[in-house]
Amino acid sequence: DSSKKVYFTKQTVGNACGTVGVIHAIGNAASDIKLVEGSYFDRFYKQTADMDPVQRAVFLEEDDEMEGAHSVAATAGDTD
């Protein structure tokens, strides 16, 4: 089943479409890129690899490290 090979998470966090897009892009390129061992994304994908899209969304909602990074990026932009 090819859908099991696609990394996908539901977007349940408001104003996070770019963040979720990056998560999808990196997650679906993981076999082609080498994540730095112990980096945020390395840990994130290892922790969520066996979760379904809803479980990943809950994990992301509760992830303080991503929330902090997302807040900094969201307030630094100039989107109206």
PDB file of N, CA and C in Angstrom:
ATOM      1  N   ASP A   1       0.846  -1.186   0.000  1.00  0.00           N
ATOM      2  CA  ASP A   1       0.000   0.000   0.000  1.00  0.00           C
ATOM      3  C   ASP A   1       0.887   1.244   0.000  1.00  0.00           C
ATOM      4  N   SER A   2       0.833   2.029  -1.064  1.00  0.00           N
ATOM      5  CA  SER A   2       1.696   3.209  -1.188  1.00  0.00           C
ATOM      6  C   SER A   2       1.350   4.303  -0.190  1.00  0.00           C
ATOM      7  N   SER A   3       0.105   4.351   0.300  1.00  0.00           N
ATOM      8  CA  SER A   3      -0.262   5.395   1.263  1.00  0.00           C
ATOM      9  C   SER A   3       0.503   5.250   2.570  1.00  0.00           C
ATOM     10  N   LYS A   4       0.973   4.066   2.891  1.00  0.00           N
ATOM     11  CA  LYS A   4       1.754   3.870   4.112  1.00  0.00           C
ATOM     12  C   LYS A   4       3.164   4.434   3.957  1.00  0.00           C
ATOM     13  N   LYS A   5       3.601   4.659   2.717  1.00  0.00           N
ATOM     14  CA  LYS A   5       4.927   5.200   2.467  1.00  0.00           C
ATOM     15  C   LYS A   5       4.930   6.724   2.460  1.00  0.00           C
ATOM     16  N   VAL A   6       3.762   7.322   2.378  1.00  0.00           N
ATOM     17  CA  VAL A   6       3.646   8.782   2.354  1.00  0.00           C
ATOM     18  C   VAL A   6       3.582   9.300   3.785  1.00  0.00           C
ATOM     19  N   TYR A   7       4.472  10.248   4.119  1.00  0.00           N
ATOM     20  CA  TYR A   7       4.437  10.847   5.447  1.00  0.00           C
ATOM     21  C   TYR A   7       3.421  11.976   5.413  1.00  0.00           C
ATOM     22  N   PHE A   8       2.416  11.885   6.264  1.00  0.00           N
ATOM     23  CA  PHE A   8       1.341  12.873   6.282  1.00  0.00           C
ATOM     24  C   PHE A   8       0.880  13.098   7.707  1.00  0.00           C
ATOM     25  N   THR A   9       0.605  14.355   8.030  1.00  0.00           N
ATOM     26  CA  THR A   9      -0.003  14.694   9.308  1.00  0.00           C
ATOM     27  C   THR A   9      -1.164  15.639   9.055  1.00  0.00           C
ATOM     28  N   LYS A  10      -2.186  15.524   9.831  1.00  0.00           N
ATOM     29  CA  LYS A  10      -3.299  16.468   9.750  1.00  0.00           C
ATOM     30  C   LYS A  10      -2.817  17.821  10.256  1.00  0.00           C
ATOM     31  N   GLN A  11      -3.375  18.887   9.711  1.00  0.00           N
ATOM     32  CA  GLN A  11      -3.061  20.225  10.214  1.00  0.00           C
ATOM     33  C   GLN A  11      -4.164  20.647  11.166  1.00  0.00           C
ATOM     34  N   THR A  12      -3.846  20.648  12.441  1.00  0.00           N
ATOM     35  CA  THR A  12      -4.813  21.052  13.456  1.00  0.00           C
ATOM     36  C   THR A  12      -4.373  22.324  14.175  1.00  0.00           C
ATOM     37  N   VAL A  13      -3.149  22.765  13.917  1.00  0.00           N
ATOM     38  CA  VAL A  13      -2.623  23.988  14.512  1.00  0.00           C
ATOM     39  C   VAL A  13      -2.924  25.137  13.552  1.00  0.00           C
ATOM     40  N   GLY A  14      -3.517  26.204  14.059  1.00  0.00           N
ATOM     41  CA  GLY A  14      -3.853  27.348  13.221  1.00  0.00           C
ATOM     42  C   GLY A  14      -2.630  28.053  12.655  1.00  0.00           C
ATOM     43  N   ASN A  15      -2.767  28.588  11.458  1.00  0.00           N
ATOM     44  CA  ASN A  15      -1.704  29.350  10.793  1.00  0.00           C
ATOM     45  C   ASN A  15      -0.398  28.576  10.677  1.00  0.00           C
ATOM     46  N   ALA A  16      -0.495  27.277  10.467  1.00  0.00           N
ATOM     47  CA  ALA A  16       0.710  26.451  10.398  1.00  0.00           C
ATOM     48  C   ALA A  16       0.849  25.730   9.063  1.00  0.00           C
ATOM     49  N   CYS A  17       0.200  26.243   8.014  1.00  0.00           N
ATOM     50  CA  CYS A  17       0.245  25.527   6.736  1.00  0.00           C
ATOM     51  C   CYS A  17       1.673  25.429   6.199  1.00  0.00           C
ATOM     52  N   GLY A  18       2.470  26.466   6.358  1.00  0.00           N
ATOM     53  CA  GLY A  18       3.860  26.408   5.912  1.00  0.00           C
ATOM     54  C   GLY A  18       4.671  25.413   6.718  1.00  0.00           C
ATOM     55  N   THR A  19       4.474  25.421   8.026  1.00  0.00           N
ATOM     56  CA  THR A  19       5.174  24.486   8.905  1.00  0.00           C
ATOM     57  C   THR A  19       4.805  23.054   8.561  1.00  0.00           C
ATOM     58  N   VAL A  20       3.526  22.794   8.375  1.00  0.00           N
ATOM     59  CA  VAL A  20       3.075  21.442   8.035  1.00  0.00           C
ATOM     60  C   VAL A  20       3.601  21.052   6.655  1.00  0.00           C
ATOM     61  N   GLY A  21       3.660  22.003   5.731  1.00  0.00           N
ATOM     62  CA  GLY A  21       4.231  21.729   4.414  1.00  0.00           C
ATOM     63  C   GLY A  21       5.688  21.307   4.505  1.00  0.00           C
ATOM     64  N   VAL A  22       6.456  21.984   5.344  1.00  0.00           N
ATOM     65  CA  VAL A  22       7.860  21.618   5.545  1.00  0.00           C
ATOM     66  C   VAL A  22       7.957  20.230   6.173  1.00  0.00           C
ATOM     67  N   ILE A  23       7.112  19.950   7.142  1.00  0.00           N
ATOM     68  CA  ILE A  23       7.106  18.626   7.778  1.00  0.00           C
ATOM     69  C   ILE A  23       6.815  17.545   6.743  1.00  0.00           C
ATOM     70  N   HIS A  24       5.837  17.791   5.866  1.00  0.00           N
ATOM     71  CA  HIS A  24       5.518  16.822   4.811  1.00  0.00           C
ATOM     72  C   HIS A  24       6.691  16.663   3.843  1.00  0.00           C
ATOM     73  N   ALA A  25       7.277  17.778   3.422  1.00  0.00           N
ATOM     74  CA  ALA A  25       8.375  17.726   2.452  1.00  0.00           C
ATOM     75  C   ALA A  25       9.568  16.945   2.993  1.00  0.00           C
ATOM     76  N   ILE A  26       9.979  17.259   4.205  1.00  0.00           N
ATOM     77  CA  ILE A  26      11.123  16.559   4.789  1.00  0.00           C
ATOM     78  C   ILE A  26      10.770  15.102   5.058  1.00  0.00           C
ATOM     79  N   GLY A  27       9.594  14.863   5.593  1.00  0.00           N
ATOM     80  CA  GLY A  27       9.185  13.493   5.896  1.00  0.00           C
ATOM     81  C   GLY A  27       9.127  12.600   4.677  1.00  0.00           C
ATOM     82  N   ASN A  28       8.741  13.156   3.545  1.00  0.00           N
ATOM     83  CA  ASN A  28       8.641  12.367   2.323  1.00  0.00           C
ATOM     84  C   ASN A  28       9.946  12.306   1.543  1.00  0.00           C
ATOM     85  N   ALA A  29      10.944  13.060   1.973  1.00  0.00           N
ATOM     86  CA  ALA A  29      12.265  13.007   1.346  1.00  0.00           C
ATOM     87  C   ALA A  29      13.284  12.343   2.262  1.00  0.00           C
ATOM     88  N   ALA A  30      12.834  11.817   3.381  1.00  0.00           N
ATOM     89  CA  ALA A  30      13.739  11.276   4.396  1.00  0.00           C
ATOM     90  C   ALA A  30      14.662  10.193   3.852  1.00  0.00           C
ATOM     91  N   SER A  31      14.190   9.411   2.887  1.00  0.00           N
ATOM     92  CA  SER A  31      15.050   8.360   2.344  1.00  0.00           C
ATOM     93  C   SER A  31      16.113   8.935   1.407  1.00  0.00           C
ATOM     94  N   ASP A  32      15.940  10.166   0.961  1.00  0.00           N
ATOM     95  CA  ASP A  32      16.884  10.796   0.037  1.00  0.00           C
ATOM     96  C   ASP A  32      17.807  11.808   0.699  1.00  0.00           C
ATOM     97  N   ILE A  33      17.510  12.182   1.924  1.00  0.00           N
ATOM     98  CA  ILE A  33      18.350  13.148   2.630  1.00  0.00           C
ATOM     99  C   ILE A  33      18.800  12.546   3.952  1.00  0.00           C
ATOM    100  N   LYS A  34      19.877  13.063   4.488  1.00  0.00           N
ATOM    101  CA  LYS A  34      20.390  12.582   5.771  1.00  0.00           C
ATOM    102  C   LYS A  34      20.134  13.660   6.810  1.00  0.00           C
ATOM    103  N   LEU A  35      19.242  13.364   7.733  1.00  0.00           N
ATOM    104  CA  LEU A  35      18.991  14.301   8.827  1.00  0.00           C
ATOM    105  C   LEU A  35      20.124  14.187   9.838  1.00  0.00           C
ATOM    106  N   VAL A  36      20.478  15.291  10.437  1.00  0.00           N
ATOM    107  CA  VAL A  36      21.530  15.293  11.451  1.00  0.00           C
ATOM    108  C   VAL A  36      21.037  14.490  12.649  1.00  0.00           C
ATOM    109  N   GLU A  37      21.812  13.495  13.030  1.00  0.00           N
ATOM    110  CA  GLU A  37      21.463  12.637  14.164  1.00  0.00           C
ATOM    111  C   GLU A  37      21.231  13.487  15.410  1.00  0.00           C
ATOM    112  N   GLY A  38      20.081  13.307  16.032  1.00  0.00           N
ATOM    113  CA  GLY A  38      19.745  14.030  17.248  1.00  0.00           C
ATOM    114  C   GLY A  38      19.139  15.405  17.018  1.00  0.00           C
ATOM    115  N   SER A  39      19.058  15.838  15.751  1.00  0.00           N
ATOM    116  CA  SER A  39      18.455  17.137  15.453  1.00  0.00           C
ATOM    117  C   SER A  39      16.953  17.082  15.710  1.00  0.00           C
ATOM    118  N   TYR A  40      16.328  18.245  15.709  1.00  0.00           N
ATOM    119  CA  TYR A  40      14.889  18.281  15.959  1.00  0.00           C
ATOM    120  C   TYR A  40      14.140  17.374  15.000  1.00  0.00           C
ATOM    121  N   PHE A  41      14.384  17.529  13.694  1.00  0.00           N
ATOM    122  CA  PHE A  41      13.627  16.742  12.724  1.00  0.00           C
ATOM    123  C   PHE A  41      13.964  15.257  12.804  1.00  0.00           C
ATOM    124  N   ASP A  42      15.200  14.910  13.084  1.00  0.00           N
ATOM    125  CA  ASP A  42      15.563  13.505  13.275  1.00  0.00           C
ATOM    126  C   ASP A  42      14.742  12.908  14.417  1.00  0.00           C
ATOM    127  N   ARG A  43      14.685  13.608  15.531  1.00  0.00           N
ATOM    128  CA  ARG A  43      13.909  13.120  16.684  1.00  0.00           C
ATOM    129  C   ARG A  43      12.418  13.083  16.359  1.00  0.00           C
ATOM    130  N   PHE A  44      11.919  14.134  15.705  1.00  0.00           N
ATOM    131  CA  PHE A  44      10.497  14.227  15.386  1.00  0.00           C
ATOM    132  C   PHE A  44      10.049  13.048  14.527  1.00  0.00           C
ATOM    133  N   TYR A  45      10.784  12.772  13.450  1.00  0.00           N
ATOM    134  CA  TYR A  45      10.367  11.698  12.545  1.00  0.00           C
ATOM    135  C   TYR A  45      10.525  10.322  13.175  1.00  0.00           C
ATOM    136  N   LYS A  46      11.541  10.138  13.996  1.00  0.00           N
ATOM    137  CA  LYS A  46      11.688   8.856  14.686  1.00  0.00           C
ATOM    138  C   LYS A  46      10.535   8.638  15.664  1.00  0.00           C
ATOM    139  N   GLN A  47      10.128   9.696  16.358  1.00  0.00           N
ATOM    140  CA  GLN A  47       9.050   9.569  17.343  1.00  0.00           C
ATOM    141  C   GLN A  47       7.685   9.385  16.697  1.00  0.00           C
ATOM    142  N   THR A  48       7.495   9.893  15.484  1.00  0.00           N
ATOM    143  CA  THR A  48       6.171   9.858  14.856  1.00  0.00           C
ATOM    144  C   THR A  48       6.064   8.859  13.709  1.00  0.00           C
ATOM    145  N   ALA A  49       7.123   8.133  13.425  1.00  0.00           N
ATOM    146  CA  ALA A  49       7.155   7.235  12.261  1.00  0.00           C
ATOM    147  C   ALA A  49       6.001   6.238  12.235  1.00  0.00           C
ATOM    148  N   ASP A  50       5.653   5.672  13.357  1.00  0.00           N
ATOM    149  CA  ASP A  50       4.613   4.641  13.395  1.00  0.00           C
ATOM    150  C   ASP A  50       3.237   5.180  13.766  1.00  0.00           C
ATOM    151  N   MET A  51       3.101   6.500  13.816  1.00  0.00           N
ATOM    152  CA  MET A  51       1.806   7.108  14.147  1.00  0.00           C
ATOM    153  C   MET A  51       0.979   7.318  12.885  1.00  0.00           C
ATOM    154  N   ASP A  52      -0.333   7.387  13.070  1.00  0.00           N
ATOM    155  CA  ASP A  52      -1.200   7.749  11.945  1.00  0.00           C
ATOM    156  C   ASP A  52      -1.280   9.281  11.883  1.00  0.00           C
ATOM    157  N   PRO A  53      -1.870   9.849  10.811  1.00  0.00           N
ATOM    158  CA  PRO A  53      -1.903  11.310  10.665  1.00  0.00           C
ATOM    159  C   PRO A  53      -2.547  12.066  11.828  1.00  0.00           C
ATOM    160  N   VAL A  54      -3.549  11.501  12.446  1.00  0.00           N
ATOM    161  CA  VAL A  54      -4.202  12.170  13.578  1.00  0.00           C
ATOM    162  C   VAL A  54      -3.286  12.154  14.800  1.00  0.00           C
ATOM    163  N   GLN A  55      -2.638  11.033  15.057  1.00  0.00           N
ATOM    164  CA  GLN A  55      -1.708  10.950  16.185  1.00  0.00           C
ATOM    165  C   GLN A  55      -0.539  11.915  15.994  1.00  0.00           C
ATOM    166  N   ARG A  56      -0.065  12.037  14.761  1.00  0.00           N
ATOM    167  CA  ARG A  56       1.024  12.981  14.480  1.00  0.00           C
ATOM    168  C   ARG A  56       0.575  14.414  14.752  1.00  0.00           C
ATOM    169  N   ALA A  57      -0.662  14.726  14.394  1.00  0.00           N
ATOM    170  CA  ALA A  57      -1.193  16.071  14.639  1.00  0.00           C
ATOM    171  C   ALA A  57      -1.235  16.372  16.131  1.00  0.00           C
ATOM    172  N   VAL A  58      -1.672  15.416  16.921  1.00  0.00           N
ATOM    173  CA  VAL A  58      -1.711  15.595  18.376  1.00  0.00           C
ATOM    174  C   VAL A  58      -0.291  15.783  18.909  1.00  0.00           C
ATOM    175  N   PHE A  59       0.635  14.971  18.420  1.00  0.00           N
ATOM    176  CA  PHE A  59       2.030  15.092  18.837  1.00  0.00           C
ATOM    177  C   PHE A  59       2.550  16.495  18.526  1.00  0.00           C
ATOM    178  N   LEU A  60       2.261  16.980  17.316  1.00  0.00           N
ATOM    179  CA  LEU A  60       2.705  18.309  16.906  1.00  0.00           C
ATOM    180  C   LEU A  60       2.073  19.400  17.766  1.00  0.00           C
ATOM    181  N   GLU A  61       0.791  19.258  18.083  1.00  0.00           N
ATOM    182  CA  GLU A  61       0.099  20.232  18.940  1.00  0.00           C
ATOM    183  C   GLU A  61       0.769  20.360  20.297  1.00  0.00           C
ATOM    184  N   GLU A  62       1.289  19.252  20.803  1.00  0.00           N
ATOM    185  CA  GLU A  62       1.865  19.211  22.148  1.00  0.00           C
ATOM    186  C   GLU A  62       3.373  19.447  22.165  1.00  0.00           C
ATOM    187  N   ASP A  63       3.965  19.692  21.005  1.00  0.00           N
ATOM    188  CA  ASP A  63       5.413  19.834  20.879  1.00  0.00           C
ATOM    189  C   ASP A  63       5.833  21.279  21.162  1.00  0.00           C
ATOM    190  N   ASP A  64       6.337  21.524  22.357  1.00  0.00           N
ATOM    191  CA  ASP A  64       6.727  22.874  22.770  1.00  0.00           C
ATOM    192  C   ASP A  64       7.868  23.440  21.928  1.00  0.00           C
ATOM    193  N   GLU A  65       8.799  22.588  21.521  1.00  0.00           N
ATOM    194  CA  GLU A  65       9.936  23.064  20.732  1.00  0.00           C
ATOM    195  C   GLU A  65       9.469  23.603  19.374  1.00  0.00           C
ATOM    196  N   MET A  66       8.582  22.878  18.716  1.00  0.00           N
ATOM    197  CA  MET A  66       8.060  23.339  17.427  1.00  0.00           C
ATOM    198  C   MET A  66       7.181  24.566  17.614  1.00  0.00           C
ATOM    199  N   GLU A  67       6.406  24.594  18.678  1.00  0.00           N
ATOM    200  CA  GLU A  67       5.546  25.752  18.934  1.00  0.00           C
ATOM    201  C   GLU A  67       6.377  27.022  19.071  1.00  0.00           C
ATOM    202  N   GLY A  68       7.476  26.922  19.793  1.00  0.00           N
ATOM    203  CA  GLY A  68       8.345  28.078  19.962  1.00  0.00           C
ATOM    204  C   GLY A  68       8.955  28.533  18.650  1.00  0.00           C
ATOM    205  N   ALA A  69       9.453  27.586  17.860  1.00  0.00           N
ATOM    206  CA  ALA A  69      10.061  27.926  16.569  1.00  0.00           C
ATOM    207  C   ALA A  69       9.019  28.493  15.613  1.00  0.00           C
ATOM    208  N   HIS A  70       7.831  27.912  15.620  1.00  0.00           N
ATOM    209  CA  HIS A  70       6.759  28.388  14.746  1.00  0.00           C
ATOM    210  C   HIS A  70       6.338  29.802  15.141  1.00  0.00           C
ATOM    211  N   SER A  71       6.232  30.069  16.419  1.00  0.00           N
ATOM    212  CA  SER A  71       5.834  31.400  16.892  1.00  0.00           C
ATOM    213  C   SER A  71       6.840  32.463  16.470  1.00  0.00           C
ATOM    214  N   VAL A  72       8.120  32.152  16.589  1.00  0.00           N
ATOM    215  CA  VAL A  72       9.165  33.094  16.185  1.00  0.00           C
ATOM    216  C   VAL A  72       9.070  33.361  14.685  1.00  0.00           C
ATOM    217  N   ALA A  73       8.940  32.302  13.897  1.00  0.00           N
ATOM    218  CA  ALA A  73       8.868  32.462  12.439  1.00  0.00           C
ATOM    219  C   ALA A  73       7.596  33.194  12.019  1.00  0.00           C
ATOM    220  N   ALA A  74       6.491  32.878  12.659  1.00  0.00           N
ATOM    221  CA  ALA A  74       5.208  33.485  12.284  1.00  0.00           C
ATOM    222  C   ALA A  74       5.182  34.977  12.587  1.00  0.00           C
ATOM    223  N   THR A  75       5.792  35.385  13.674  1.00  0.00           N
ATOM    224  CA  THR A  75       5.782  36.805  14.026  1.00  0.00           C
ATOM    225  C   THR A  75       6.857  37.587  13.282  1.00  0.00           C
ATOM    226  N   ALA A  76       7.840  36.890  12.722  1.00  0.00           N
ATOM    227  CA  ALA A  76       8.907  37.561  11.981  1.00  0.00           C
ATOM    228  C   ALA A  76       8.502  37.870  10.549  1.00  0.00           C
ATOM    229  N   GLY A  77       7.483  37.189  10.043  1.00  0.00           N
ATOM    230  CA  GLY A  77       7.053  37.390   8.663  1.00  0.00           C
ATOM    231  C   GLY A  77       6.311  38.693   8.484  1.00  0.00           C
ATOM    232  N   ASP A  78       6.023  39.000   7.212  1.00  0.00           N
ATOM    233  CA  ASP A  78       5.305  40.242   6.947  1.00  0.00           C
ATOM    234  C   ASP A  78       3.993  39.996   6.215  1.00  0.00           C
ATOM    235  N   THR A  79       3.407  38.826   6.453  1.00  0.00           N
ATOM    236  CA  THR A  79       2.096  38.522   5.885  1.00  0.00           C
ATOM    237  C   THR A  79       1.029  39.280   6.659  1.00  0.00           C
ATOM    238  N   ASP A  80       0.109  39.893   5.956  1.00  0.00           N
ATOM    239  CA  ASP A  80      -0.962  40.645   6.624  1.00  0.00           C
ATOM    240  C   ASP A  80      -2.152  39.767   6.896  1.00  0.00           C
TER     241      ASP A  80
END
